[in-house]
Amino acid sequence: MVGLGNLKRRGPDQLSATTWGVIMGLLLTFVLSTVSGFLLGGKQPPAGEGLPIVGWHLYKDIRPSHFLGVHAQQFIPLVGIVADRFLGSYATLALAAGSSLYVVAWGLLTRASLS
């Protein structure tokens, strides 16, 4: 709850991209993994060989999008850390763009799994 504690104390304008990354990562993890988790519970993955090591397919298999949903709590804060370190005043904008691309990738994988 470090991110929310900072948000209450400082206000949204004074938070770093890293702190916003923690907040966004936790929020996206909850939403994306919950949605894909419910879909995963009712959908059997396809039979046959898939990607090496994990055995997933990139179509008709919800497991890749569930993986992205669960691991947003690691990837999104990492984007915030890198943006803070290298992009200065554009860090928050880069975090917003990175988070948006992450959600789009999750949406495309989810859509491919349902077709």
C-alpha atoms as a PDB file:
ATOM      1  CA  MET A   1       0.000   0.000   0.000  1.00  0.00           C
ATOM      2  CA  VAL A   2       3.026   2.258  -0.378  1.00  0.00           C
ATOM      3  CA  GLY A   3       1.651   3.726  -3.600  1.00  0.00           C
ATOM      4  CA  LEU A   4      -1.752   4.596  -2.127  1.00  0.00           C
ATOM      5  CA  GLY A   5      -0.154   6.018   1.025  1.00  0.00           C
ATOM      6  CA  ASN A   6       1.996   8.310  -1.114  1.00  0.00           C
ATOM      7  CA  LEU A   7      -1.019   9.295  -3.185  1.00  0.00           C
ATOM      8  CA  LYS A   8      -2.924  10.400  -0.078  1.00  0.00           C
ATOM      9  CA  ARG A   9       0.059  12.213   1.413  1.00  0.00           C
ATOM     10  CA  ARG A  10       1.448  14.002  -1.642  1.00  0.00           C
ATOM     11  CA  GLY A  11      -1.359  14.184  -4.173  1.00  0.00           C
ATOM     12  CA  PRO A  12      -1.405  12.769  -7.706  1.00  0.00           C
ATOM     13  CA  ASP A  13       0.735  15.540  -9.252  1.00  0.00           C
ATOM     14  CA  GLN A  14       3.783  14.851  -7.081  1.00  0.00           C
ATOM     15  CA  LEU A  15       4.107  11.075  -7.536  1.00  0.00           C
ATOM     16  CA  SER A  16       6.966   9.582  -9.526  1.00  0.00           C
ATOM     17  CA  ALA A  17       6.420   7.290 -12.492  1.00  0.00           C
ATOM     18  CA  THR A  18       7.716   4.440 -10.340  1.00  0.00           C
ATOM     19  CA  THR A  19       5.003   5.022  -7.739  1.00  0.00           C
ATOM     20  CA  TRP A  20       2.367   5.335 -10.461  1.00  0.00           C
ATOM     21  CA  GLY A  21       3.756   2.102 -11.925  1.00  0.00           C
ATOM     22  CA  VAL A  22       3.192   0.290  -8.640  1.00  0.00           C
ATOM     23  CA  ILE A  23      -0.363   1.617  -8.408  1.00  0.00           C
ATOM     24  CA  MET A  24      -1.170   0.817 -12.050  1.00  0.00           C
ATOM     25  CA  GLY A  25       0.523  -2.583 -11.866  1.00  0.00           C
ATOM     26  CA  LEU A  26      -1.540  -3.671  -8.882  1.00  0.00           C
ATOM     27  CA  LEU A  27      -4.755  -2.343 -10.396  1.00  0.00           C
ATOM     28  CA  LEU A  28      -4.118  -3.994 -13.767  1.00  0.00           C
ATOM     29  CA  THR A  29      -3.102  -7.258 -12.123  1.00  0.00           C
ATOM     30  CA  PHE A  30      -6.391  -7.383 -10.260  1.00  0.00           C
ATOM     31  CA  VAL A  31      -8.573  -6.518 -13.257  1.00  0.00           C
ATOM     32  CA  LEU A  32      -6.795  -8.400 -16.054  1.00  0.00           C
ATOM     33  CA  SER A  33      -6.022 -11.565 -14.120  1.00  0.00           C
ATOM     34  CA  THR A  34      -9.539 -11.738 -12.694  1.00  0.00           C
ATOM     35  CA  VAL A  35     -11.154 -11.474 -16.126  1.00  0.00           C
ATOM     36  CA  SER A  36      -8.783 -13.946 -17.777  1.00  0.00           C
ATOM     37  CA  GLY A  37      -8.935 -16.237 -14.740  1.00  0.00           C
ATOM     38  CA  PHE A  38     -12.704 -16.524 -15.035  1.00  0.00           C
ATOM     39  CA  LEU A  39     -12.340 -17.236 -18.748  1.00  0.00           C
ATOM     40  CA  LEU A  40      -9.625 -19.800 -18.025  1.00  0.00           C
ATOM     41  CA  GLY A  41     -11.873 -21.675 -15.628  1.00  0.00           C
ATOM     42  CA  GLY A  42     -14.425 -22.416 -18.315  1.00  0.00           C
ATOM     43  CA  LYS A  43     -12.216 -23.014 -21.325  1.00  0.00           C
ATOM     44  CA  GLN A  44     -10.086 -26.093 -21.955  1.00  0.00           C
ATOM     45  CA  PRO A  45      -6.755 -25.303 -23.645  1.00  0.00           C
ATOM     46  CA  PRO A  46      -6.219 -26.867 -27.083  1.00  0.00           C
ATOM     47  CA  ALA A  47      -4.533 -30.251 -27.334  1.00  0.00           C
ATOM     48  CA  GLY A  48      -1.230 -30.802 -29.084  1.00  0.00           C
ATOM     49  CA  GLU A  49       2.158 -29.178 -28.912  1.00  0.00           C
ATOM     50  CA  GLY A  50       2.392 -25.475 -28.303  1.00  0.00           C
ATOM     51  CA  LEU A  51       5.176 -23.047 -27.499  1.00  0.00           C
ATOM     52  CA  PRO A  52       8.372 -24.611 -26.185  1.00  0.00           C
ATOM     53  CA  ILE A  53       8.677 -25.008 -22.382  1.00  0.00           C
ATOM     54  CA  VAL A  54       5.171 -23.741 -21.490  1.00  0.00           C
ATOM     55  CA  GLY A  55       3.098 -25.607 -24.102  1.00  0.00           C
ATOM     56  CA  TRP A  56       0.777 -22.645 -24.676  1.00  0.00           C
ATOM     57  CA  HIS A  57      -0.845 -21.749 -27.972  1.00  0.00           C
ATOM     58  CA  LEU A  58      -1.290 -18.184 -29.159  1.00  0.00           C
ATOM     59  CA  TYR A  59      -4.819 -18.898 -30.376  1.00  0.00           C
ATOM     60  CA  LYS A  60      -7.751 -20.541 -28.590  1.00  0.00           C
ATOM     61  CA  ASP A  61      -5.698 -20.630 -25.373  1.00  0.00           C
ATOM     62  CA  ILE A  62      -6.370 -18.138 -22.570  1.00  0.00           C
ATOM     63  CA  ARG A  63      -3.206 -19.030 -20.611  1.00  0.00           C
ATOM     64  CA  PRO A  64      -0.922 -16.426 -22.316  1.00  0.00           C
ATOM     65  CA  SER A  65      -3.314 -13.566 -21.558  1.00  0.00           C
ATOM     66  CA  HIS A  66      -3.755 -14.820 -17.993  1.00  0.00           C
ATOM     67  CA  PHE A  67       0.044 -14.782 -17.655  1.00  0.00           C
ATOM     68  CA  LEU A  68       0.135 -11.138 -18.780  1.00  0.00           C
ATOM     69  CA  GLY A  69      -2.681 -10.285 -16.388  1.00  0.00           C
ATOM     70  CA  VAL A  70      -1.010 -11.900 -13.388  1.00  0.00           C
ATOM     71  CA  HIS A  71       2.405 -10.391 -14.082  1.00  0.00           C
ATOM     72  CA  ALA A  72       1.345  -6.787 -14.665  1.00  0.00           C
ATOM     73  CA  GLN A  73       2.427  -6.175 -11.058  1.00  0.00           C
ATOM     74  CA  GLN A  74       6.027  -6.827 -12.140  1.00  0.00           C
ATOM     75  CA  PHE A  75       6.134  -5.431 -15.681  1.00  0.00           C
ATOM     76  CA  ILE A  76       4.344  -2.102 -15.195  1.00  0.00           C
ATOM     77  CA  PRO A  77       6.454  -0.913 -12.221  1.00  0.00           C
ATOM     78  CA  LEU A  78       9.542  -1.911 -14.202  1.00  0.00           C
ATOM     79  CA  VAL A  79       8.400   0.405 -16.996  1.00  0.00           C
ATOM     80  CA  GLY A  80       7.988   3.157 -14.377  1.00  0.00           C
ATOM     81  CA  ILE A  81      11.491   2.601 -13.000  1.00  0.00           C
ATOM     82  CA  VAL A  82      13.075   2.703 -16.463  1.00  0.00           C
ATOM     83  CA  ALA A  83      11.024   5.770 -17.419  1.00  0.00           C
ATOM     84  CA  ASP A  84      12.027   7.610 -14.231  1.00  0.00           C
ATOM     85  CA  ARG A  85      15.680   6.837 -14.781  1.00  0.00           C
ATOM     86  CA  PHE A  86      15.951   7.696 -18.480  1.00  0.00           C
ATOM     87  CA  LEU A  87      13.057   9.930 -19.567  1.00  0.00           C
ATOM     88  CA  GLY A  88      12.893  12.646 -16.920  1.00  0.00           C
ATOM     89  CA  SER A  89       9.859  14.868 -17.391  1.00  0.00           C
ATOM     90  CA  TYR A  90       8.302  12.433 -19.891  1.00  0.00           C
ATOM     91  CA  ALA A  91       8.376   9.499 -17.461  1.00  0.00           C
ATOM     92  CA  THR A  92       4.688   9.601 -16.518  1.00  0.00           C
ATOM     93  CA  LEU A  93       3.654   9.895 -20.160  1.00  0.00           C
ATOM     94  CA  ALA A  94       5.886   6.935 -21.051  1.00  0.00           C
ATOM     95  CA  LEU A  95       4.341   4.926 -18.208  1.00  0.00           C
ATOM     96  CA  ALA A  96       0.848   5.703 -19.509  1.00  0.00           C
ATOM     97  CA  ALA A  97       1.876   4.633 -23.023  1.00  0.00           C
ATOM     98  CA  GLY A  98       3.547   1.459 -21.752  1.00  0.00           C
ATOM     99  CA  SER A  99       0.535   0.551 -19.624  1.00  0.00           C
ATOM    100  CA  SER A 100      -1.785   1.148 -22.554  1.00  0.00           C
ATOM    101  CA  LEU A 101       0.299  -1.074 -24.828  1.00  0.00           C
ATOM    102  CA  TYR A 102       0.293  -3.761 -22.133  1.00  0.00           C
ATOM    103  CA  VAL A 103      -3.505  -3.702 -21.952  1.00  0.00           C
ATOM    104  CA  VAL A 104      -3.737  -3.803 -25.761  1.00  0.00           C
ATOM    105  CA  ALA A 105      -1.422  -6.849 -25.870  1.00  0.00           C
ATOM    106  CA  TRP A 106      -3.545  -8.527 -23.184  1.00  0.00           C
ATOM    107  CA  GLY A 107      -6.706  -7.704 -25.144  1.00  0.00           C
ATOM    108  CA  LEU A 108      -5.308  -9.095 -28.395  1.00  0.00           C
ATOM    109  CA  LEU A 109      -4.238 -12.346 -26.704  1.00  0.00           C
ATOM    110  CA  THR A 110      -7.625 -12.623 -25.001  1.00  0.00           C
ATOM    111  CA  ARG A 111      -9.482 -12.004 -28.265  1.00  0.00           C
ATOM    112  CA  ALA A 112      -7.349 -14.606 -30.055  1.00  0.00           C
ATOM    113  CA  SER A 113      -8.149 -17.114 -27.337  1.00  0.00           C
ATOM    114  CA  LEU A 114     -11.899 -16.650 -27.714  1.00  0.00           C
ATOM    115  CA  SER A 115     -12.048 -17.011 -31.503  1.00  0.00           C
END
